[in-house]
């Protein structure tokens, strides 16, 4: 008799516990369903935004919209807090939610071996032989001086002058280089201190300049001969030009 009473008591306890668990699960599921339907504000793209556009220039191309939480992916933005200085990492299309993963630092879009172009300047590229580009040992971010030589004519004598100072180099593209250190007959390369490799052929050098300076660079490239000098910030800029008479 006692055993039956005890068994009945245990069954009643288990039934109550099961009811509590089911009720809790149903309540949790209902809460999750309500959370999924809870409205959230996120930024939607309303007009095409090209890759590289700064966040500060999005303007009316994005707008806050209220959508169900269930359709909001991780990283969707409801404000631009912490996004200052970033740009669109890809082309953004109307209708898509604005995700933090699609905004990147401007440097992430720059090609390797280049430097940003300062505001207000433009880029111009010329082709030069390696000896005229400091032996090919020039890199983006360097600043150079321009020595330009023009042939003489009936009105003027031939002349070389340093016409431009501290021009910013934004990119350098060169032909495959040949190491000046010789290989041994067995095929092993020399090690230790070696002379820098010299690029073969010509190189393309790109500069960031204003319009007036770009005109001078193009003119000199078309009608003169250009030599570049590596010009650090503390280099002197005094140059008087040279003619044949200076060497007599």
C-alpha atoms as a PDB file:
ATOM      1  CA  UNK A   1       0.000   0.000   0.000  1.00  0.00           C
ATOM      2  CA  UNK A   2       2.788   2.383   0.921  1.00  0.00           C
ATOM      3  CA  UNK A   3       4.610   1.480  -2.269  1.00  0.00           C
ATOM      4  CA  UNK A   4       1.592   2.388  -4.385  1.00  0.00           C
ATOM      5  CA  UNK A   5       1.173   5.706  -2.585  1.00  0.00           C
ATOM      6  CA  UNK A   6       4.867   6.504  -3.071  1.00  0.00           C
ATOM      7  CA  UNK A   7       4.715   5.585  -6.757  1.00  0.00           C
ATOM      8  CA  UNK A   8       1.656   7.761  -7.243  1.00  0.00           C
ATOM      9  CA  UNK A   9       3.383  10.660  -5.535  1.00  0.00           C
ATOM     10  CA  UNK A  10       6.462  10.315  -7.758  1.00  0.00           C
ATOM     11  CA  UNK A  11       4.300  10.224 -10.893  1.00  0.00           C
ATOM     12  CA  UNK A  12       2.481  13.352  -9.787  1.00  0.00           C
ATOM     13  CA  UNK A  13       5.777  15.168  -9.207  1.00  0.00           C
ATOM     14  CA  UNK A  14       7.063  14.107 -12.626  1.00  0.00           C
ATOM     15  CA  UNK A  15       3.847  15.238 -14.278  1.00  0.00           C
ATOM     16  CA  UNK A  16       4.068  18.651 -12.630  1.00  0.00           C
ATOM     17  CA  UNK A  17       7.753  18.983 -13.614  1.00  0.00           C
ATOM     18  CA  UNK A  18       6.933  18.047 -17.209  1.00  0.00           C
ATOM     19  CA  UNK A  19       4.131  20.589 -17.292  1.00  0.00           C
ATOM     20  CA  UNK A  20       6.491  23.279 -16.002  1.00  0.00           C
ATOM     21  CA  UNK A  21       9.121  22.406 -18.632  1.00  0.00           C
ATOM     22  CA  UNK A  22       6.585  22.449 -21.458  1.00  0.00           C
ATOM     23  CA  UNK A  23       5.141  25.737 -20.261  1.00  0.00           C
ATOM     24  CA  UNK A  24       8.636  27.265 -20.012  1.00  0.00           C
ATOM     25  CA  UNK A  25       9.594  26.049 -23.509  1.00  0.00           C
ATOM     26  CA  UNK A  26       6.396  27.395 -25.034  1.00  0.00           C
ATOM     27  CA  UNK A  27       6.895  30.714 -23.277  1.00  0.00           C
ATOM     28  CA  UNK A  28      10.478  30.941 -24.508  1.00  0.00           C
ATOM     29  CA  UNK A  29       9.414  30.100 -28.070  1.00  0.00           C
ATOM     30  CA  UNK A  30       6.718  32.756 -27.914  1.00  0.00           C
ATOM     31  CA  UNK A  31       9.279  35.273 -26.646  1.00  0.00           C
ATOM     32  CA  UNK A  32      11.636  34.386 -29.512  1.00  0.00           C
ATOM     33  CA  UNK A  33       8.833  34.781 -32.006  1.00  0.00           C
ATOM     34  CA  UNK A  34       7.946  38.162 -30.535  1.00  0.00           C
ATOM     35  CA  UNK A  35      11.607  39.221 -30.647  1.00  0.00           C
ATOM     36  CA  UNK A  36      11.798  38.243 -34.326  1.00  0.00           C
ATOM     37  CA  UNK A  37       8.795  40.415 -35.093  1.00  0.00           C
ATOM     38  CA  UNK A  38       9.994  43.339 -33.011  1.00  0.00           C
ATOM     39  CA  UNK A  39      10.630  46.287 -35.342  1.00  0.00           C
ATOM     40  CA  UNK A  40      14.168  47.647 -35.686  1.00  0.00           C
ATOM     41  CA  UNK A  41      15.546  50.710 -37.416  1.00  0.00           C
ATOM     42  CA  UNK A  42      18.346  50.131 -39.917  1.00  0.00           C
ATOM     43  CA  UNK A  43      19.883  52.097 -42.755  1.00  0.00           C
ATOM     44  CA  UNK A  44      18.785  51.095 -46.245  1.00  0.00           C
ATOM     45  CA  UNK A  45      20.540  52.223 -49.416  1.00  0.00           C
ATOM     46  CA  UNK A  46      18.128  54.370 -51.457  1.00  0.00           C
ATOM     47  CA  UNK A  47      20.397  55.344 -54.371  1.00  0.00           C
ATOM     48  CA  UNK A  48      23.541  53.792 -55.900  1.00  0.00           C
ATOM     49  CA  UNK A  49      26.710  54.547 -53.920  1.00  0.00           C
ATOM     50  CA  UNK A  50      29.967  54.000 -55.841  1.00  0.00           C
ATOM     51  CA  UNK A  51      32.890  52.185 -54.278  1.00  0.00           C
ATOM     52  CA  UNK A  52      35.189  54.580 -52.450  1.00  0.00           C
ATOM     53  CA  UNK A  53      32.487  57.111 -51.505  1.00  0.00           C
ATOM     54  CA  UNK A  54      33.185  58.520 -48.003  1.00  0.00           C
ATOM     55  CA  UNK A  55      30.533  57.841 -45.368  1.00  0.00           C
ATOM     56  CA  UNK A  56      30.207  61.588 -44.839  1.00  0.00           C
ATOM     57  CA  UNK A  57      29.033  61.952 -48.446  1.00  0.00           C
ATOM     58  CA  UNK A  58      26.295  59.288 -48.375  1.00  0.00           C
ATOM     59  CA  UNK A  59      23.711  62.002 -47.703  1.00  0.00           C
ATOM     60  CA  UNK A  60      20.255  61.109 -49.024  1.00  0.00           C
ATOM     61  CA  UNK A  61      21.570  57.920 -50.630  1.00  0.00           C
ATOM     62  CA  UNK A  62      20.760  56.149 -47.346  1.00  0.00           C
ATOM     63  CA  UNK A  63      17.760  56.424 -45.029  1.00  0.00           C
ATOM     64  CA  UNK A  64      16.536  54.835 -41.795  1.00  0.00           C
ATOM     65  CA  UNK A  65      13.752  52.279 -42.269  1.00  0.00           C
ATOM     66  CA  UNK A  66      11.867  50.114 -39.774  1.00  0.00           C
ATOM     67  CA  UNK A  67      11.990  46.378 -40.545  1.00  0.00           C
ATOM     68  CA  UNK A  68      11.260  43.170 -38.569  1.00  0.00           C
ATOM     69  CA  UNK A  69      14.201  42.044 -36.459  1.00  0.00           C
ATOM     70  CA  UNK A  70      14.068  38.631 -38.163  1.00  0.00           C
ATOM     71  CA  UNK A  71      15.342  40.111 -41.455  1.00  0.00           C
ATOM     72  CA  UNK A  72      18.127  42.213 -39.921  1.00  0.00           C
ATOM     73  CA  UNK A  73      21.550  40.558 -40.442  1.00  0.00           C
ATOM     74  CA  UNK A  74      24.505  40.907 -38.110  1.00  0.00           C
ATOM     75  CA  UNK A  75      26.358  44.161 -38.668  1.00  0.00           C
ATOM     76  CA  UNK A  76      23.381  46.146 -39.968  1.00  0.00           C
ATOM     77  CA  UNK A  77      23.843  49.808 -39.093  1.00  0.00           C
ATOM     78  CA  UNK A  78      21.304  51.999 -37.353  1.00  0.00           C
ATOM     79  CA  UNK A  79      23.785  54.839 -36.830  1.00  0.00           C
ATOM     80  CA  UNK A  80      27.158  55.949 -38.160  1.00  0.00           C
ATOM     81  CA  UNK A  81      28.856  56.000 -34.764  1.00  0.00           C
ATOM     82  CA  UNK A  82      32.403  54.722 -35.168  1.00  0.00           C
ATOM     83  CA  UNK A  83      32.289  54.897 -38.987  1.00  0.00           C
ATOM     84  CA  UNK A  84      33.944  58.292 -39.397  1.00  0.00           C
ATOM     85  CA  UNK A  85      36.639  58.312 -42.063  1.00  0.00           C
ATOM     86  CA  UNK A  86      35.466  55.112 -43.724  1.00  0.00           C
ATOM     87  CA  UNK A  87      34.353  54.654 -47.332  1.00  0.00           C
ATOM     88  CA  UNK A  88      32.156  52.241 -49.268  1.00  0.00           C
ATOM     89  CA  UNK A  89      34.254  49.127 -49.840  1.00  0.00           C
ATOM     90  CA  UNK A  90      32.076  48.017 -52.771  1.00  0.00           C
ATOM     91  CA  UNK A  91      29.358  49.491 -54.958  1.00  0.00           C
ATOM     92  CA  UNK A  92      26.202  49.732 -52.819  1.00  0.00           C
ATOM     93  CA  UNK A  93      22.856  49.151 -54.519  1.00  0.00           C
ATOM     94  CA  UNK A  94      19.384  50.509 -53.628  1.00  0.00           C
ATOM     95  CA  UNK A  95      17.361  48.267 -51.342  1.00  0.00           C
ATOM     96  CA  UNK A  96      20.216  46.618 -49.482  1.00  0.00           C
ATOM     97  CA  UNK A  97      20.753  47.081 -45.777  1.00  0.00           C
ATOM     98  CA  UNK A  98      23.911  48.990 -44.923  1.00  0.00           C
ATOM     99  CA  UNK A  99      26.347  46.629 -43.199  1.00  0.00           C
ATOM    100  CA  UNK A 100      29.426  47.630 -41.243  1.00  0.00           C
ATOM    101  CA  UNK A 101      31.428  44.997 -43.157  1.00  0.00           C
ATOM    102  CA  UNK A 102      30.863  46.940 -46.397  1.00  0.00           C
ATOM    103  CA  UNK A 103      32.526  50.068 -45.020  1.00  0.00           C
ATOM    104  CA  UNK A 104      36.331  50.080 -44.974  1.00  0.00           C
ATOM    105  CA  UNK A 105      39.244  52.409 -44.337  1.00  0.00           C
ATOM    106  CA  UNK A 106      40.256  54.275 -47.482  1.00  0.00           C
ATOM    107  CA  UNK A 107      43.705  52.670 -47.398  1.00  0.00           C
ATOM    108  CA  UNK A 108      42.116  49.262 -47.949  1.00  0.00           C
ATOM    109  CA  UNK A 109      41.110  50.307 -51.482  1.00  0.00           C
ATOM    110  CA  UNK A 110      44.514  51.579 -52.491  1.00  0.00           C
ATOM    111  CA  UNK A 111      46.626  49.441 -54.768  1.00  0.00           C
ATOM    112  CA  UNK A 112      49.816  48.079 -53.193  1.00  0.00           C
ATOM    113  CA  UNK A 113      52.794  50.328 -53.834  1.00  0.00           C
ATOM    114  CA  UNK A 114      50.774  53.533 -54.054  1.00  0.00           C
ATOM    115  CA  UNK A 115      50.056  56.457 -51.741  1.00  0.00           C
ATOM    116  CA  UNK A 116      46.896  58.584 -51.450  1.00  0.00           C
ATOM    117  CA  UNK A 117      46.531  61.645 -53.650  1.00  0.00           C
ATOM    118  CA  UNK A 118      46.247  64.797 -51.508  1.00  0.00           C
ATOM    119  CA  UNK A 119      42.970  66.673 -51.817  1.00  0.00           C
ATOM    120  CA  UNK A 120      42.853  69.117 -54.709  1.00  0.00           C
ATOM    121  CA  UNK A 121      45.649  67.470 -56.690  1.00  0.00           C
ATOM    122  CA  UNK A 122      45.556  65.244 -59.754  1.00  0.00           C
ATOM    123  CA  UNK A 123      47.782  62.444 -61.005  1.00  0.00           C
ATOM    124  CA  UNK A 124      49.907  62.479 -64.141  1.00  0.00           C
ATOM    125  CA  UNK A 125      52.179  59.699 -65.399  1.00  0.00           C
ATOM    126  CA  UNK A 126      55.297  59.880 -67.567  1.00  0.00           C
ATOM    127  CA  UNK A 127      57.638  57.233 -68.941  1.00  0.00           C
ATOM    128  CA  UNK A 128      61.348  57.462 -68.147  1.00  0.00           C
ATOM    129  CA  UNK A 129      64.409  55.273 -68.498  1.00  0.00           C
ATOM    130  CA  UNK A 130      65.675  53.775 -65.245  1.00  0.00           C
ATOM    131  CA  UNK A 131      68.880  55.901 -65.071  1.00  0.00           C
ATOM    132  CA  UNK A 132      66.696  59.011 -65.134  1.00  0.00           C
ATOM    133  CA  UNK A 133      64.659  57.684 -62.189  1.00  0.00           C
ATOM    134  CA  UNK A 134      67.500  57.551 -59.660  1.00  0.00           C
ATOM    135  CA  UNK A 135      68.660  54.244 -61.091  1.00  0.00           C
ATOM    136  CA  UNK A 136      65.183  52.831 -60.662  1.00  0.00           C
ATOM    137  CA  UNK A 137      65.423  53.125 -56.865  1.00  0.00           C
ATOM    138  CA  UNK A 138      62.305  55.244 -56.482  1.00  0.00           C
ATOM    139  CA  UNK A 139      59.181  54.406 -54.484  1.00  0.00           C
ATOM    140  CA  UNK A 140      55.695  55.767 -53.925  1.00  0.00           C
ATOM    141  CA  UNK A 141      55.795  58.446 -51.240  1.00  0.00           C
ATOM    142  CA  UNK A 142      59.178  59.827 -52.296  1.00  0.00           C
ATOM    143  CA  UNK A 143      59.510  63.445 -53.345  1.00  0.00           C
ATOM    144  CA  UNK A 144      61.585  64.401 -56.355  1.00  0.00           C
ATOM    145  CA  UNK A 145      63.040  67.376 -58.153  1.00  0.00           C
ATOM    146  CA  UNK A 146      62.668  67.820 -61.933  1.00  0.00           C
ATOM    147  CA  UNK A 147      65.718  68.649 -64.024  1.00  0.00           C
ATOM    148  CA  UNK A 148      64.613  69.414 -67.582  1.00  0.00           C
ATOM    149  CA  UNK A 149      66.883  69.884 -70.608  1.00  0.00           C
ATOM    150  CA  UNK A 150      65.783  71.610 -73.822  1.00  0.00           C
ATOM    151  CA  UNK A 151      67.694  71.806 -77.086  1.00  0.00           C
ATOM    152  CA  UNK A 152      68.697  75.243 -78.261  1.00  0.00           C
ATOM    153  CA  UNK A 153      67.255  77.075 -81.270  1.00  0.00           C
ATOM    154  CA  UNK A 154      67.812  80.367 -83.058  1.00  0.00           C
ATOM    155  CA  UNK A 155      66.403  82.299 -80.114  1.00  0.00           C
ATOM    156  CA  UNK A 156      67.723  80.319 -77.138  1.00  0.00           C
ATOM    157  CA  UNK A 157      70.732  78.250 -76.177  1.00  0.00           C
ATOM    158  CA  UNK A 158      70.358  74.691 -74.952  1.00  0.00           C
ATOM    159  CA  UNK A 159      69.763  74.660 -71.208  1.00  0.00           C
ATOM    160  CA  UNK A 160      69.158  72.372 -68.243  1.00  0.00           C
ATOM    161  CA  UNK A 161      67.217  73.713 -65.289  1.00  0.00           C
ATOM    162  CA  UNK A 162      65.610  72.408 -62.130  1.00  0.00           C
ATOM    163  CA  UNK A 163      62.079  73.654 -62.611  1.00  0.00           C
ATOM    164  CA  UNK A 164      60.043  71.700 -60.023  1.00  0.00           C
ATOM    165  CA  UNK A 165      60.783  70.843 -56.403  1.00  0.00           C
ATOM    166  CA  UNK A 166      59.557  68.184 -53.972  1.00  0.00           C
ATOM    167  CA  UNK A 167      56.958  66.665 -56.288  1.00  0.00           C
ATOM    168  CA  UNK A 168      55.104  63.760 -54.632  1.00  0.00           C
ATOM    169  CA  UNK A 169      55.479  60.346 -56.297  1.00  0.00           C
ATOM    170  CA  UNK A 170      52.278  58.304 -55.922  1.00  0.00           C
ATOM    171  CA  UNK A 171      53.217  55.186 -57.915  1.00  0.00           C
ATOM    172  CA  UNK A 172      56.177  53.603 -59.694  1.00  0.00           C
ATOM    173  CA  UNK A 173      55.855  50.810 -62.224  1.00  0.00           C
ATOM    174  CA  UNK A 174      58.974  49.249 -63.692  1.00  0.00           C
ATOM    175  CA  UNK A 175      59.987  46.468 -66.013  1.00  0.00           C
ATOM    176  CA  UNK A 176      61.375  43.228 -64.517  1.00  0.00           C
ATOM    177  CA  UNK A 177      64.744  43.909 -62.954  1.00  0.00           C
ATOM    178  CA  UNK A 178      68.090  42.207 -63.357  1.00  0.00           C
ATOM    179  CA  UNK A 179      70.246  41.732 -60.259  1.00  0.00           C
ATOM    180  CA  UNK A 180      73.652  43.288 -60.603  1.00  0.00           C
ATOM    181  CA  UNK A 181      75.178  40.679 -58.349  1.00  0.00           C
ATOM    182  CA  UNK A 182      76.416  37.820 -60.509  1.00  0.00           C
ATOM    183  CA  UNK A 183      75.520  34.209 -59.912  1.00  0.00           C
ATOM    184  CA  UNK A 184      78.247  31.676 -59.540  1.00  0.00           C
ATOM    185  CA  UNK A 185      78.822  29.065 -62.236  1.00  0.00           C
ATOM    186  CA  UNK A 186      77.193  26.490 -60.012  1.00  0.00           C
ATOM    187  CA  UNK A 187      74.008  28.559 -59.947  1.00  0.00           C
ATOM    188  CA  UNK A 188      74.272  29.796 -56.364  1.00  0.00           C
ATOM    189  CA  UNK A 189      73.577  33.476 -55.895  1.00  0.00           C
ATOM    190  CA  UNK A 190      75.958  35.683 -53.963  1.00  0.00           C
ATOM    191  CA  UNK A 191      74.836  36.756 -50.521  1.00  0.00           C
ATOM    192  CA  UNK A 192      75.572  39.625 -48.200  1.00  0.00           C
ATOM    193  CA  UNK A 193      75.833  43.237 -49.268  1.00  0.00           C
ATOM    194  CA  UNK A 194      74.697  43.531 -52.882  1.00  0.00           C
ATOM    195  CA  UNK A 195      74.122  46.389 -55.269  1.00  0.00           C
ATOM    196  CA  UNK A 196      70.375  47.101 -55.729  1.00  0.00           C
ATOM    197  CA  UNK A 197      68.805  45.517 -58.787  1.00  0.00           C
ATOM    198  CA  UNK A 198      68.458  47.734 -61.857  1.00  0.00           C
ATOM    199  CA  UNK A 199      65.135  47.666 -63.742  1.00  0.00           C
ATOM    200  CA  UNK A 200      65.343  46.862 -67.430  1.00  0.00           C
ATOM    201  CA  UNK A 201      63.743  49.147 -69.986  1.00  0.00           C
ATOM    202  CA  UNK A 202      61.567  52.073 -69.031  1.00  0.00           C
ATOM    203  CA  UNK A 203      59.543  52.904 -65.959  1.00  0.00           C
ATOM    204  CA  UNK A 204      56.209  54.625 -65.427  1.00  0.00           C
ATOM    205  CA  UNK A 205      56.267  57.241 -62.685  1.00  0.00           C
ATOM    206  CA  UNK A 206      53.066  58.874 -61.425  1.00  0.00           C
ATOM    207  CA  UNK A 207      52.972  62.224 -59.623  1.00  0.00           C
ATOM    208  CA  UNK A 208      50.339  64.124 -57.618  1.00  0.00           C
ATOM    209  CA  UNK A 209      50.361  67.754 -58.765  1.00  0.00           C
ATOM    210  CA  UNK A 210      48.133  70.727 -59.495  1.00  0.00           C
ATOM    211  CA  UNK A 211      47.039  71.548 -63.032  1.00  0.00           C
ATOM    212  CA  UNK A 212      49.820  74.079 -63.714  1.00  0.00           C
ATOM    213  CA  UNK A 213      52.526  71.651 -62.669  1.00  0.00           C
ATOM    214  CA  UNK A 214      50.917  68.843 -64.671  1.00  0.00           C
ATOM    215  CA  UNK A 215      51.131  71.027 -67.779  1.00  0.00           C
ATOM    216  CA  UNK A 216      54.855  71.588 -67.210  1.00  0.00           C
ATOM    217  CA  UNK A 217      55.504  67.886 -66.678  1.00  0.00           C
ATOM    218  CA  UNK A 218      53.641  66.901 -69.840  1.00  0.00           C
ATOM    219  CA  UNK A 219      55.354  69.617 -71.901  1.00  0.00           C
ATOM    220  CA  UNK A 220      58.788  68.601 -70.637  1.00  0.00           C
ATOM    221  CA  UNK A 221      58.037  64.953 -71.396  1.00  0.00           C
ATOM    222  CA  UNK A 222      56.896  65.805 -74.932  1.00  0.00           C
ATOM    223  CA  UNK A 223      59.582  68.315 -75.945  1.00  0.00           C
ATOM    224  CA  UNK A 224      62.469  67.956 -73.496  1.00  0.00           C
ATOM    225  CA  UNK A 225      64.437  65.400 -71.496  1.00  0.00           C
ATOM    226  CA  UNK A 226      63.772  64.814 -67.804  1.00  0.00           C
ATOM    227  CA  UNK A 227      66.001  63.657 -64.965  1.00  0.00           C
ATOM    228  CA  UNK A 228      64.588  63.147 -61.475  1.00  0.00           C
ATOM    229  CA  UNK A 229      66.444  63.731 -58.224  1.00  0.00           C
ATOM    230  CA  UNK A 230      65.462  62.248 -54.879  1.00  0.00           C
ATOM    231  CA  UNK A 231      64.655  65.353 -52.857  1.00  0.00           C
ATOM    232  CA  UNK A 232      64.059  65.052 -49.101  1.00  0.00           C
ATOM    233  CA  UNK A 233      62.177  67.757 -47.242  1.00  0.00           C
ATOM    234  CA  UNK A 234      65.354  69.477 -46.068  1.00  0.00           C
ATOM    235  CA  UNK A 235      67.009  69.571 -49.512  1.00  0.00           C
ATOM    236  CA  UNK A 236      67.995  72.991 -50.843  1.00  0.00           C
ATOM    237  CA  UNK A 237      65.945  74.302 -53.728  1.00  0.00           C
ATOM    238  CA  UNK A 238      68.359  76.898 -55.092  1.00  0.00           C
ATOM    239  CA  UNK A 239      69.201  76.129 -58.728  1.00  0.00           C
ATOM    240  CA  UNK A 240      70.299  78.542 -61.426  1.00  0.00           C
ATOM    241  CA  UNK A 241      70.221  76.309 -64.474  1.00  0.00           C
ATOM    242  CA  UNK A 242      73.146  75.291 -66.646  1.00  0.00           C
ATOM    243  CA  UNK A 243      74.174  76.020 -70.253  1.00  0.00           C
ATOM    244  CA  UNK A 244      77.163  75.053 -72.396  1.00  0.00           C
ATOM    245  CA  UNK A 245      78.978  78.176 -71.260  1.00  0.00           C
ATOM    246  CA  UNK A 246      79.002  76.916 -67.667  1.00  0.00           C
ATOM    247  CA  UNK A 247      81.376  74.119 -68.687  1.00  0.00           C
ATOM    248  CA  UNK A 248      83.859  76.076 -70.759  1.00  0.00           C
END
